[in-house]
Amino acid sequence: MEFSRRSTAIYKAIYGFLLVFWMLVVAWEVEEHIRVKEAAKTELRGRAGVYANFLSATIRGQRFRGAVIQDRLEPVLNLLVSGRTNELVRPSELVAVVLLNSAGDPVVSVGDTNLVPPAVLQQGEYWGPRVVTFVNPVPGVSLADGETNNSIIVLPGRRDLTNEMHGRDFSHPEPPPGPGSNGPESVSTNGEPTNRANAPQRGGMEPPPPPPPEEGGGPRPEGRRGGRGRPPWMNWMNEEEFKKLLARRELHGLVLAMSTDKYRAVCLDDWYLRFVIIFFAGISAAGFGLAWRTLARTSELQIRLVRASELNTHLREMNLAAAGLAHETRNPLNIIRGMAQMLSRQPDAPPEVKEKSNAIVNETDKVTAQLNEFINYSRPREIRRAALPLHSAVQEVVRALNFDMEEKKVTLEIKGEPVTIEADEQLFRQMLFNLLLNAVQALETGGKIQVVTGRQKAAEAFLEVRDDGPGVPPDRRKEIFKPYFTTHQKGTGLGLAVVQQIVLAHGWEIECLANEPKGAVFRITHLKVPA
């Protein structure tokens, strides 16, 4: 009991240790997966930074006098988003590019901008289900106290630009030049004609030179570039118009929308790898636990086997001692039986002495029979197989029981197919004798016994001993094969135990069944038929 409790405590400790080990492996793999996930995010952020630097350098390279033409910028952005270079198209991570003004409104947008929610334009980084959005400032653009010398303005084509100027449209045909003029004229904001011939030509733009100041309009600020932080070709605008243009077209932010397919593929592959590691770690822990449990149980079984072997050796020694004692006891019993017979046969012996002498003889015969059964049961069974015809063996045993069957007027019938089996002839006859004697003792006067033989399979046969006696209750059909269990007054309780011993020594099987409508059936199966 103490050993079992100690084993249970050891089992719990080992299983707990394995569970903690597996949980540590799971935690470690989850942490490693998070680390790989963050590394993939960092790598994607790095590639986004490369794209942002390239775009910023491209924008600064195309800047002239603080302005960039949208028609020249969009093709570069389209090439970058589509992945087309040197007539080759490669899948690009860059899904969309959006240039923002100071209010966060798009100035230029290229690519699938539907994947960029408007709400994330003000965020620094947003990870969606399939797209990650990075919002970065444009490098090289700085505003301090209203100074815009380093600002970049994205100008559309001439038609789009003039259509934005509060009703001014410079895209209409110009009126013919007046006398003494040097080129086409246009009307300034105060209605005075201006000469367009001397207007600056910048990137296909032909804005007019600045008109003279109007009354109430205030003086035009002059500066190194034609105004305070204003490109010289913007001097034709007044201050309010210039500020409105800056609010709409000045670059403040760069939005990059990048696909997360590679990032998700890396995370998924790593998760599969971690899952396999966790799975095999669990299998290893379970296998180690089962192996250890099997080893522990094997050790326990070995200990029990050693104890059982010691007990078996002790029982074998006691069996030999009991068999020797029974054998030595038969000699005094035979002497007592002989002396009692001599006393009963004396001519002058009184009737009382003869009666008591006969009683001694009968009791001595009973004890001798029990001793013989015990010695027969304790004797080791050595099987010497030989071909044995069943019907012939049954008939010889029946002849040995003729006196007992005639005394009870029992009829015996042999039925079935004649079969030859492999068995020890002497042990088989002893087994069949005990079965038939048990049936005769169970029957009343005028009972019937049947011995049925036949083939069970091509190489196996069966033998049945049937009677129409009282039968055996279902709860006793297994106990009747135990030593010293008997239901007969004159039985020793070892007859059926010897039968089972002989059956098991041959490798057969025996069972007790009910015989319809009454009686019992002892069925022996798996009798080997010689080839």
Protein backbone atom coordinates (compact mmCIF):
# COMPACT_ATOMS: atom_id res chain seq x y z
CA MET A 1 0.00 0.00 0.00
CA GLU A 2 2.81 2.38 0.90
CA PHE A 3 4.65 1.49 -2.32
CA SER A 4 1.51 2.25 -4.36
CA ARG A 5 1.08 5.68 -2.70
CA ARG A 6 4.70 6.54 -3.31
CA SER A 7 4.39 5.51 -6.96
CA THR A 8 1.28 7.70 -7.35
CA ALA A 9 3.12 10.70 -5.89
CA ILE A 10 6.06 10.11 -8.25
CA TYR A 11 3.64 9.83 -11.20
CA LYS A 12 2.07 13.18 -10.34
CA ALA A 13 5.47 14.86 -9.93
CA ILE A 14 6.76 13.57 -13.27
CA TYR A 15 3.57 14.47 -15.15
CA GLY A 16 3.57 17.93 -13.58
CA PHE A 17 7.19 18.46 -14.61
CA LEU A 18 6.40 17.38 -18.20
CA LEU A 19 3.37 19.67 -18.31
CA VAL A 20 5.42 22.63 -17.08
CA PHE A 21 8.14 21.79 -19.62
CA TRP A 22 5.60 21.72 -22.46
CA MET A 23 4.05 25.00 -21.33
CA LEU A 24 7.51 26.60 -21.25
CA VAL A 25 8.11 25.39 -24.81
CA VAL A 26 4.74 26.86 -25.85
CA ALA A 27 5.54 30.19 -24.18
CA TRP A 28 9.00 30.28 -25.74
CA GLU A 29 7.63 29.53 -29.23
CA VAL A 30 4.92 32.17 -28.84
CA GLU A 31 7.55 34.71 -27.79
CA GLU A 32 9.76 33.75 -30.74
CA HIS A 33 6.78 34.08 -33.08
CA ILE A 34 6.08 37.56 -31.73
CA ARG A 35 9.76 38.43 -32.22
CA VAL A 36 9.69 37.18 -35.83
CA LYS A 37 6.45 39.09 -36.39
CA GLU A 38 7.98 42.30 -35.09
CA ALA A 39 11.11 41.71 -37.18
CA ALA A 40 8.93 41.30 -40.27
CA LYS A 41 7.14 44.54 -39.39
CA THR A 42 10.47 46.30 -38.91
CA GLU A 43 11.69 45.01 -42.27
CA LEU A 44 8.49 46.25 -43.95
CA ARG A 45 8.90 49.63 -42.24
CA GLY A 46 12.47 49.74 -43.54
CA ARG A 47 11.33 49.08 -47.11
CA ALA A 48 8.67 51.78 -46.68
CA GLY A 49 11.42 54.15 -45.56
CA VAL A 50 13.41 53.32 -48.70
CA TYR A 51 10.38 54.12 -50.84
CA ALA A 52 9.79 57.36 -48.91
CA ASN A 53 13.40 58.49 -49.31
CA PHE A 54 13.31 57.66 -53.02
CA LEU A 55 10.08 59.59 -53.54
CA SER A 56 11.38 62.55 -51.54
CA ALA A 57 14.59 62.59 -53.58
CA THR A 58 12.55 62.39 -56.79
CA ILE A 59 10.32 65.27 -55.71
CA ARG A 60 13.29 67.42 -54.72
CA GLY A 61 15.03 66.53 -57.99
CA GLN A 62 12.05 67.75 -60.02
CA ARG A 63 11.59 70.92 -57.96
CA PHE A 64 12.24 74.17 -59.78
CA ARG A 65 11.88 77.44 -57.96
CA GLY A 66 9.88 75.63 -55.21
CA ALA A 67 7.37 73.95 -57.53
CA VAL A 68 6.89 70.49 -59.04
CA ILE A 69 4.71 69.81 -62.07
CA GLN A 70 2.09 67.12 -61.33
CA ASP A 71 2.14 65.86 -64.94
CA ARG A 72 5.84 65.06 -64.55
CA LEU A 73 5.54 63.57 -61.05
CA GLU A 74 2.64 61.15 -61.66
CA PRO A 75 4.46 58.94 -64.25
CA VAL A 76 7.26 58.30 -61.76
CA LEU A 77 4.76 57.38 -59.08
CA ASN A 78 2.86 55.10 -61.49
CA LEU A 79 6.04 53.28 -62.43
CA LEU A 80 6.92 52.81 -58.76
CA VAL A 81 3.44 51.45 -57.89
CA SER A 82 3.09 49.21 -60.96
CA GLY A 83 6.61 47.80 -60.69
CA ARG A 84 7.31 48.32 -64.42
CA THR A 85 10.99 48.98 -65.14
CA ASN A 86 12.81 48.46 -68.43
CA GLU A 87 9.80 46.81 -70.05
CA LEU A 88 9.59 44.30 -67.16
CA VAL A 89 6.70 44.11 -64.77
CA ARG A 90 7.40 42.83 -61.29
CA PRO A 91 4.91 42.59 -58.45
CA SER A 92 5.33 45.65 -56.27
CA GLU A 93 4.65 45.90 -52.56
CA LEU A 94 3.63 49.50 -53.03
CA VAL A 95 -0.15 49.63 -53.50
CA ALA A 96 -0.81 53.37 -53.47
CA VAL A 97 0.97 56.71 -52.96
CA VAL A 98 -0.81 59.83 -51.73
CA LEU A 99 0.76 63.28 -51.30
CA LEU A 100 -1.00 65.38 -48.64
CA ASN A 101 -1.28 69.12 -48.04
CA SER A 102 -1.23 70.83 -44.66
CA ALA A 103 -4.93 70.09 -44.13
CA GLY A 104 -4.42 66.37 -44.74
CA ASP A 105 -6.23 66.43 -48.09
CA PRO A 106 -4.79 64.48 -51.03
CA VAL A 107 -2.84 66.56 -53.55
CA VAL A 108 -1.66 63.70 -55.76
CA SER A 109 -2.86 60.09 -55.45
CA VAL A 110 -1.63 57.11 -57.47
CA GLY A 111 -2.61 53.46 -57.23
CA ASP A 112 -5.54 51.75 -55.53
CA THR A 113 -6.41 54.50 -53.08
CA ASN A 114 -9.65 52.72 -52.15
CA LEU A 115 -7.56 50.51 -49.86
CA VAL A 116 -6.50 53.61 -47.87
CA PRO A 117 -9.29 54.67 -45.50
CA PRO A 118 -9.54 58.48 -45.19
CA ALA A 119 -9.51 58.18 -41.40
CA VAL A 120 -5.94 56.80 -41.36
CA LEU A 121 -4.40 59.70 -43.30
CA GLN A 122 -3.79 61.55 -40.03
CA GLN A 123 -2.21 58.50 -38.33
CA GLY A 124 1.47 57.71 -38.41
CA GLU A 125 1.01 53.98 -39.05
CA TYR A 126 -2.06 51.83 -39.56
CA TRP A 127 -2.07 48.04 -40.10
CA GLY A 128 -5.14 46.91 -41.99
CA PRO A 129 -6.16 43.39 -42.94
CA ARG A 130 -4.20 43.42 -46.22
CA VAL A 131 -2.54 46.83 -46.44
CA VAL A 132 -0.33 48.80 -44.06
CA THR A 133 -0.36 52.59 -44.35
CA PHE A 134 2.60 54.81 -43.41
CA VAL A 135 2.14 58.60 -43.13
CA ASN A 136 5.50 60.41 -43.25
CA PRO A 137 6.54 64.06 -43.62
CA VAL A 138 8.23 65.01 -46.87
CA PRO A 139 11.99 65.27 -46.17
CA GLY A 140 13.48 68.65 -47.03
CA VAL A 141 10.26 70.59 -46.42
CA SER A 142 10.18 72.78 -43.34
CA LEU A 143 7.96 75.63 -42.30
CA ALA A 144 8.91 78.00 -39.55
CA ASP A 145 6.88 81.03 -38.60
CA GLY A 146 5.15 81.16 -41.95
CA GLU A 147 8.41 80.91 -43.96
CA THR A 148 7.88 78.77 -47.06
CA ASN A 149 11.24 79.10 -48.76
CA ASN A 150 11.80 75.32 -48.40
CA SER A 151 8.25 74.38 -49.29
CA ILE A 152 7.29 72.38 -52.38
CA ILE A 153 4.19 73.20 -54.37
CA VAL A 154 2.71 70.65 -56.74
CA LEU A 155 1.35 72.50 -59.75
CA PRO A 156 -1.12 70.87 -62.11
CA GLY A 157 -1.23 71.60 -65.88
CA ARG A 158 -1.92 75.14 -67.05
CA ARG A 159 -5.60 74.56 -67.70
CA ASP A 160 -6.18 72.97 -64.26
CA LEU A 161 -4.16 75.68 -62.53
CA THR A 162 -6.00 78.60 -64.12
CA ASN A 163 -9.37 76.98 -63.50
CA GLU A 164 -8.56 77.05 -59.79
CA MET A 165 -7.90 80.83 -59.71
CA HIS A 166 -11.27 82.20 -58.56
CA GLY A 167 -12.84 82.67 -61.95
CA ARG A 168 -9.62 83.48 -63.78
CA ASP A 169 -9.02 81.38 -66.83
CA PHE A 170 -5.82 81.89 -68.80
CA SER A 171 -6.56 79.05 -71.11
CA HIS A 172 -8.81 81.18 -73.43
CA PRO A 173 -7.37 82.59 -76.66
CA GLU A 174 -5.44 85.77 -76.10
CA PRO A 175 -6.66 89.03 -77.71
CA PRO A 176 -4.52 90.44 -80.49
CA PRO A 177 -1.73 92.70 -79.38
CA GLY A 178 -2.32 96.39 -79.42
CA PRO A 179 -0.22 98.89 -81.31
CA GLY A 180 3.26 99.27 -79.97
CA SER A 181 3.10 96.09 -77.99
CA ASN A 182 5.68 93.36 -78.14
CA GLY A 183 3.36 90.37 -77.85
CA PRO A 184 -0.07 89.19 -76.80
CA GLU A 185 -1.76 91.04 -74.06
CA SER A 186 -3.93 89.91 -71.20
CA VAL A 187 -5.87 91.68 -68.54
CA SER A 188 -4.53 91.96 -65.03
CA THR A 189 -6.54 91.97 -61.87
CA ASN A 190 -7.08 95.74 -62.07
CA GLY A 191 -8.19 95.60 -65.71
CA GLU A 192 -4.91 96.94 -67.19
CA PRO A 193 -3.34 95.12 -70.14
CA THR A 194 -0.14 93.27 -69.54
CA ASN A 195 2.44 92.10 -72.00
CA ARG A 196 2.80 88.26 -72.03
CA ALA A 197 5.88 88.23 -74.18
CA ASN A 198 8.16 88.97 -71.29
CA ALA A 199 6.44 86.52 -68.90
CA PRO A 200 8.71 83.82 -67.42
CA GLN A 201 8.53 80.37 -69.07
CA ARG A 202 8.81 77.76 -66.31
CA GLY A 203 8.07 74.10 -67.05
CA GLY A 204 5.44 74.79 -69.63
CA MET A 205 3.72 77.32 -67.37
CA GLU A 206 3.06 80.79 -68.82
CA PRO A 207 1.65 82.81 -65.96
CA PRO A 208 1.56 86.59 -66.52
CA PRO A 209 3.91 88.96 -64.77
CA PRO A 210 2.58 90.57 -61.61
CA PRO A 211 0.31 93.56 -62.18
CA PRO A 212 0.93 96.86 -60.44
CA PRO A 213 -0.60 97.23 -57.00
CA GLU A 214 -4.26 98.20 -56.85
CA GLU A 215 -5.78 100.80 -54.67
CA GLY A 216 -6.70 99.26 -51.37
CA GLY A 217 -4.94 96.05 -52.32
CA GLY A 218 -1.88 96.92 -50.38
CA PRO A 219 1.65 96.96 -51.62
CA ARG A 220 3.10 93.83 -53.11
CA PRO A 221 5.87 92.45 -50.90
CA GLU A 222 9.14 92.21 -52.71
CA GLY A 223 11.82 89.74 -51.93
CA ARG A 224 14.72 87.85 -53.38
CA ARG A 225 12.33 85.62 -55.38
CA GLY A 226 9.81 88.31 -56.22
CA GLY A 227 8.09 88.17 -52.84
CA ARG A 228 8.52 86.91 -49.32
CA GLY A 229 9.11 83.15 -49.76
CA ARG A 230 7.33 83.26 -53.14
CA PRO A 231 8.76 81.99 -56.45
CA PRO A 232 9.23 84.83 -58.95
CA TRP A 233 6.75 83.26 -61.42
CA MET A 234 4.07 83.52 -58.71
CA ASN A 235 4.30 87.30 -58.48
CA TRP A 236 1.29 87.68 -60.76
CA MET A 237 -0.85 86.48 -57.77
CA ASN A 238 -1.82 88.63 -54.90
CA GLU A 239 -1.04 87.50 -51.37
CA GLU A 240 -4.46 85.98 -50.68
CA GLU A 241 -4.45 83.93 -53.84
CA PHE A 242 -0.95 82.75 -53.15
CA LYS A 243 -1.88 81.63 -49.65
CA LYS A 244 -4.90 79.73 -51.01
CA LEU A 245 -2.67 78.00 -53.54
CA LEU A 246 -0.22 77.05 -50.79
CA ALA A 247 -3.04 75.64 -48.66
CA ARG A 248 -4.21 73.45 -51.54
CA ARG A 249 -0.96 72.49 -53.25
CA GLU A 250 1.87 72.66 -50.71
CA LEU A 251 3.29 69.23 -49.74
CA HIS A 252 3.31 68.35 -46.06
CA GLY A 253 2.83 64.57 -45.95
CA LEU A 254 3.65 61.42 -47.86
CA VAL A 255 1.31 58.41 -47.54
CA LEU A 256 2.56 54.98 -48.58
CA ALA A 257 0.13 52.06 -48.74
CA MET A 258 2.05 48.78 -48.90
CA SER A 259 0.77 45.23 -49.29
CA THR A 260 1.17 42.90 -46.29
CA ASP A 261 1.14 39.70 -48.36
CA LYS A 262 4.84 38.99 -47.78
CA TYR A 263 4.56 39.96 -44.14
CA ARG A 264 1.57 37.65 -43.62
CA ALA A 265 3.31 34.84 -45.54
CA VAL A 266 6.37 35.15 -43.28
CA CYS A 267 4.19 35.17 -40.16
CA LEU A 268 2.13 32.20 -41.40
CA ASP A 269 5.20 30.14 -42.28
CA ASP A 270 6.75 30.92 -38.92
CA TRP A 271 3.51 30.04 -37.15
CA TYR A 272 3.38 26.69 -38.96
CA LEU A 273 6.96 26.03 -37.89
CA ARG A 274 6.19 26.98 -34.28
CA PHE A 275 3.06 24.84 -34.32
CA VAL A 276 5.05 21.83 -35.56
CA ILE A 277 7.64 22.39 -32.82
CA ILE A 278 4.91 22.70 -30.17
CA PHE A 279 3.14 19.63 -31.54
CA PHE A 280 6.24 17.46 -31.51
CA ALA A 281 7.25 18.83 -28.11
CA GLY A 282 3.85 17.73 -26.79
CA ILE A 283 4.25 14.32 -28.41
CA SER A 284 7.74 14.02 -26.95
CA ALA A 285 6.53 14.97 -23.48
CA ALA A 286 3.60 12.54 -23.73
CA GLY A 287 5.86 9.82 -25.10
CA PHE A 288 8.39 10.37 -22.34
CA GLY A 289 5.60 10.24 -19.77
CA LEU A 290 4.19 7.03 -21.21
CA ALA A 291 7.66 5.50 -21.52
CA TRP A 292 8.46 6.41 -17.95
CA ARG A 293 5.11 5.08 -16.78
CA THR A 294 5.67 1.85 -18.71
CA LEU A 295 9.16 1.55 -17.24
CA ALA A 296 7.82 2.18 -13.74
CA ARG A 297 5.04 -0.37 -14.21
CA THR A 298 7.52 -2.83 -15.66
CA SER A 299 9.66 -2.38 -12.58
CA GLU A 300 6.64 -2.92 -10.36
CA LEU A 301 5.65 -5.99 -12.35
CA GLN A 302 9.18 -7.34 -12.09
CA ILE A 303 9.05 -6.87 -8.34
CA ARG A 304 5.66 -8.59 -8.21
CA LEU A 305 6.96 -11.33 -10.48
CA VAL A 306 9.88 -11.94 -8.17
CA ARG A 307 7.53 -12.11 -5.21
CA ALA A 308 5.13 -14.35 -7.12
CA SER A 309 8.05 -16.56 -8.13
CA GLU A 310 9.12 -16.81 -4.50
CA LEU A 311 5.54 -17.61 -3.49
CA ASN A 312 5.24 -20.12 -6.33
CA THR A 313 8.44 -21.80 -5.25
CA HIS A 314 7.13 -21.93 -1.71
CA LEU A 315 3.80 -23.37 -2.87
CA ARG A 316 5.57 -25.93 -5.05
CA GLU A 317 7.62 -27.04 -2.07
CA MET A 318 4.47 -27.27 0.02
CA ASN A 319 2.76 -29.19 -2.78
CA LEU A 320 5.59 -31.68 -2.92
CA ALA A 321 5.54 -31.97 0.85
CA ALA A 322 1.76 -32.47 0.85
CA ALA A 323 1.98 -35.02 -1.93
CA GLY A 324 4.68 -36.88 -0.04
CA LEU A 325 2.62 -36.73 3.15
CA ALA A 326 -0.44 -38.04 1.28
CA HIS A 327 1.62 -40.83 -0.22
CA GLU A 328 3.05 -41.78 3.15
CA THR A 329 -0.41 -41.63 4.73
CA ARG A 330 -1.81 -44.24 2.33
CA ASN A 331 0.41 -47.01 3.76
CA PRO A 332 -0.93 -46.76 7.34
CA LEU A 333 -4.45 -46.53 5.93
CA ASN A 334 -3.93 -49.71 3.94
CA ILE A 335 -2.69 -51.43 7.13
CA ILE A 336 -5.72 -50.17 9.08
CA ARG A 337 -8.03 -51.34 6.29
CA GLY A 338 -6.41 -54.78 6.20
CA MET A 339 -6.64 -55.25 9.99
CA ALA A 340 -10.30 -54.17 9.98
CA GLN A 341 -11.04 -56.70 7.25
CA MET A 342 -9.28 -59.43 9.24
CA LEU A 343 -11.37 -58.61 12.31
CA SER A 344 -14.60 -58.70 10.33
CA ARG A 345 -13.75 -62.10 8.79
CA GLN A 346 -13.02 -63.90 12.06
CA PRO A 347 -15.64 -66.65 12.59
CA ASP A 348 -16.08 -65.97 16.29
CA ALA A 349 -16.26 -62.19 15.87
CA PRO A 350 -19.45 -60.76 17.33
CA PRO A 351 -21.81 -58.90 14.96
CA GLU A 352 -21.00 -55.56 16.57
CA VAL A 353 -17.27 -55.99 15.84
CA LYS A 354 -17.98 -56.96 12.21
CA GLU A 355 -20.19 -53.89 11.75
CA LYS A 356 -17.57 -51.54 13.15
CA SER A 357 -14.83 -53.22 11.13
CA ASN A 358 -16.82 -52.71 7.92
CA ALA A 359 -17.35 -49.03 8.87
CA ILE A 360 -13.57 -48.63 9.33
CA VAL A 361 -12.98 -50.19 5.91
CA ASN A 362 -15.51 -47.85 4.23
CA GLU A 363 -14.09 -44.70 5.82
CA THR A 364 -10.56 -45.80 5.02
CA ASP A 365 -11.56 -46.27 1.38
CA LYS A 366 -12.98 -42.74 1.30
CA VAL A 367 -9.81 -41.21 2.72
CA THR A 368 -7.66 -43.29 0.38
CA ALA A 369 -9.70 -42.14 -2.61
CA GLN A 370 -9.25 -38.52 -1.60
CA LEU A 371 -5.53 -39.01 -1.13
CA ASN A 372 -5.28 -40.64 -4.55
CA GLU A 373 -7.16 -37.72 -6.15
CA PHE A 374 -4.92 -35.22 -4.38
CA ILE A 375 -1.77 -37.02 -5.47
CA ASN A 376 -3.12 -37.23 -9.01
CA TYR A 377 -3.96 -33.50 -9.02
CA SER A 378 -0.57 -32.42 -7.65
CA ARG A 379 1.37 -34.55 -10.10
CA PRO A 380 3.05 -32.58 -12.95
CA ARG A 381 1.49 -33.17 -16.35
CA GLU A 382 3.87 -34.28 -19.06
CA ILE A 383 2.07 -34.50 -22.39
CA ARG A 384 3.08 -37.25 -24.83
CA ARG A 385 0.94 -36.71 -27.88
CA ALA A 386 -0.11 -39.54 -30.16
CA ALA A 387 -2.91 -40.24 -32.62
CA LEU A 388 -6.00 -41.29 -30.68
CA PRO A 389 -9.39 -42.32 -32.22
CA LEU A 390 -12.10 -40.69 -30.13
CA HIS A 391 -14.79 -43.36 -30.47
CA SER A 392 -12.41 -46.17 -29.51
CA ALA A 393 -11.17 -44.27 -26.43
CA VAL A 394 -14.75 -43.45 -25.37
CA GLN A 395 -15.84 -47.11 -25.67
CA GLU A 396 -12.91 -48.30 -23.49
CA VAL A 397 -13.75 -45.78 -20.76
CA VAL A 398 -17.44 -46.76 -20.93
CA ARG A 399 -16.52 -50.40 -20.34
CA ALA A 400 -14.66 -49.37 -17.18
CA LEU A 401 -17.84 -47.68 -15.88
CA ASN A 402 -20.30 -50.45 -16.78
CA PHE A 403 -20.79 -51.48 -13.16
CA ASP A 404 -21.64 -47.94 -12.00
CA MET A 405 -23.98 -47.34 -14.95
CA GLU A 406 -25.77 -50.67 -14.50
CA GLU A 407 -26.22 -49.93 -10.81
CA LYS A 408 -28.15 -46.72 -11.72
CA LYS A 409 -29.60 -48.11 -14.96
CA VAL A 410 -27.97 -45.30 -16.94
CA THR A 411 -27.91 -45.54 -20.73
CA LEU A 412 -24.98 -44.11 -22.69
CA GLU A 413 -24.97 -43.24 -26.40
CA ILE A 414 -22.00 -42.29 -28.60
CA LYS A 415 -22.90 -39.92 -31.45
CA GLY A 416 -21.18 -37.82 -34.05
CA GLU A 417 -18.42 -38.16 -36.60
CA PRO A 418 -15.53 -40.51 -35.75
CA VAL A 419 -12.46 -38.28 -35.40
CA THR A 420 -8.82 -38.98 -34.64
CA ILE A 421 -7.03 -36.41 -32.48
CA GLU A 422 -3.54 -35.81 -31.09
CA ALA A 423 -3.50 -36.35 -27.31
CA ASP A 424 -1.85 -38.17 -24.44
CA GLU A 425 -3.86 -41.41 -24.35
CA GLN A 426 -3.54 -42.07 -20.61
CA LEU A 427 -4.40 -38.46 -19.61
CA PHE A 428 -7.28 -38.34 -22.10
CA ARG A 429 -8.82 -41.51 -20.68
CA GLN A 430 -8.43 -40.15 -17.15
CA MET A 431 -10.12 -36.89 -18.18
CA LEU A 432 -13.01 -38.68 -19.93
CA PHE A 433 -13.38 -41.12 -17.01
CA ASN A 434 -13.78 -38.21 -14.55
CA LEU A 435 -16.33 -36.50 -16.81
CA LEU A 436 -18.44 -39.63 -17.26
CA LEU A 437 -18.19 -40.52 -13.56
CA ASN A 438 -19.30 -37.01 -12.65
CA ALA A 439 -22.29 -37.38 -14.99
CA VAL A 440 -23.23 -40.79 -13.56
CA GLN A 441 -23.07 -39.42 -10.01
CA ALA A 442 -25.27 -36.45 -10.97
CA LEU A 443 -27.97 -38.60 -12.65
CA GLU A 444 -30.88 -40.26 -10.99
CA THR A 445 -31.91 -43.82 -11.75
CA GLY A 446 -32.70 -44.30 -15.44
CA GLY A 447 -30.79 -41.22 -16.67
CA LYS A 448 -29.21 -40.75 -20.09
CA ILE A 449 -25.70 -39.73 -21.15
CA GLN A 450 -24.54 -38.77 -24.65
CA VAL A 451 -20.96 -38.46 -25.89
CA VAL A 452 -20.86 -36.37 -29.08
CA THR A 453 -17.77 -35.92 -31.25
CA GLY A 454 -17.21 -33.97 -34.47
CA ARG A 455 -15.07 -31.48 -36.36
CA GLN A 456 -15.03 -27.86 -35.32
CA LYS A 457 -12.72 -26.77 -38.16
CA ALA A 458 -10.63 -28.55 -40.75
CA ALA A 459 -7.82 -29.11 -38.23
CA GLU A 460 -9.81 -29.03 -34.98
CA ALA A 461 -12.42 -31.24 -33.31
CA PHE A 462 -14.70 -31.08 -30.28
CA LEU A 463 -16.02 -33.45 -27.64
CA GLU A 464 -19.23 -33.06 -25.61
CA VAL A 465 -20.51 -35.03 -22.62
CA ARG A 466 -24.25 -34.43 -22.15
CA ASP A 467 -26.57 -35.62 -19.40
CA ASP A 468 -30.19 -35.03 -18.44
CA GLY A 469 -29.55 -34.58 -14.75
CA PRO A 470 -30.31 -31.54 -12.56
CA GLY A 471 -27.66 -29.42 -14.38
CA VAL A 472 -25.36 -26.76 -12.97
CA PRO A 473 -26.60 -23.28 -12.00
CA PRO A 474 -25.09 -20.44 -14.10
CA ASP A 475 -23.30 -18.90 -11.09
CA ARG A 476 -21.49 -22.19 -10.38
CA ARG A 477 -20.42 -23.17 -13.89
CA LYS A 478 -16.96 -21.69 -13.38
CA GLU A 479 -16.53 -22.64 -9.74
CA ILE A 480 -17.02 -26.38 -10.33
CA PHE A 481 -13.54 -26.56 -11.87
CA LYS A 482 -11.94 -25.27 -8.66
CA PRO A 483 -10.30 -27.81 -6.31
CA TYR A 484 -12.48 -29.22 -3.54
CA PHE A 485 -15.67 -27.67 -4.91
CA THR A 486 -18.34 -30.32 -5.25
CA THR A 487 -22.13 -30.66 -5.30
CA HIS A 488 -22.18 -34.42 -4.65
CA GLN A 489 -22.12 -35.96 -1.20
CA LYS A 490 -19.71 -38.69 -2.30
CA GLY A 491 -17.50 -36.42 -4.44
CA THR A 492 -13.97 -35.38 -3.52
CA GLY A 493 -14.03 -32.02 -5.34
CA LEU A 494 -10.92 -32.82 -7.37
CA GLY A 495 -12.36 -34.71 -10.35
CA LEU A 496 -13.27 -31.69 -12.48
CA ALA A 497 -10.14 -29.83 -11.30
CA VAL A 498 -8.05 -32.71 -12.71
CA VAL A 499 -10.10 -32.54 -15.92
CA GLN A 500 -9.36 -28.83 -16.35
CA GLN A 501 -5.69 -29.41 -15.57
CA ILE A 502 -5.42 -32.05 -18.32
CA VAL A 503 -7.36 -29.85 -20.78
CA LEU A 504 -5.11 -26.83 -20.19
CA ALA A 505 -1.99 -28.99 -20.47
CA HIS A 506 -3.11 -30.02 -23.98
CA GLY A 507 -3.96 -26.41 -24.96
CA TRP A 508 -7.69 -27.10 -25.19
CA GLU A 509 -10.66 -25.26 -23.71
CA ILE A 510 -13.49 -26.57 -21.56
CA GLU A 511 -16.76 -24.95 -20.55
CA CYS A 512 -19.93 -25.99 -18.79
CA LEU A 513 -23.20 -25.20 -20.59
CA ALA A 514 -26.89 -25.86 -20.08
CA ASN A 515 -28.43 -28.88 -21.83
CA GLU A 516 -31.92 -28.28 -23.15
CA PRO A 517 -34.44 -29.04 -21.77
CA LYS A 518 -32.47 -30.11 -18.67
CA GLY A 519 -29.06 -31.30 -17.65
CA ALA A 520 -25.51 -30.12 -18.30
CA VAL A 521 -23.06 -30.14 -21.20
CA PHE A 522 -19.28 -30.25 -20.77
CA ARG A 523 -17.82 -29.08 -24.09
CA ILE A 524 -14.11 -29.47 -24.93
CA THR A 525 -12.93 -27.58 -28.02
CA HIS A 526 -9.74 -27.01 -30.08
CA LEU A 527 -8.77 -30.69 -30.10
CA LYS A 528 -6.04 -30.88 -32.72
CA VAL A 529 -6.63 -33.22 -35.65
CA PRO A 530 -3.43 -34.68 -37.19
CA ALA A 531 -2.78 -33.84 -40.81
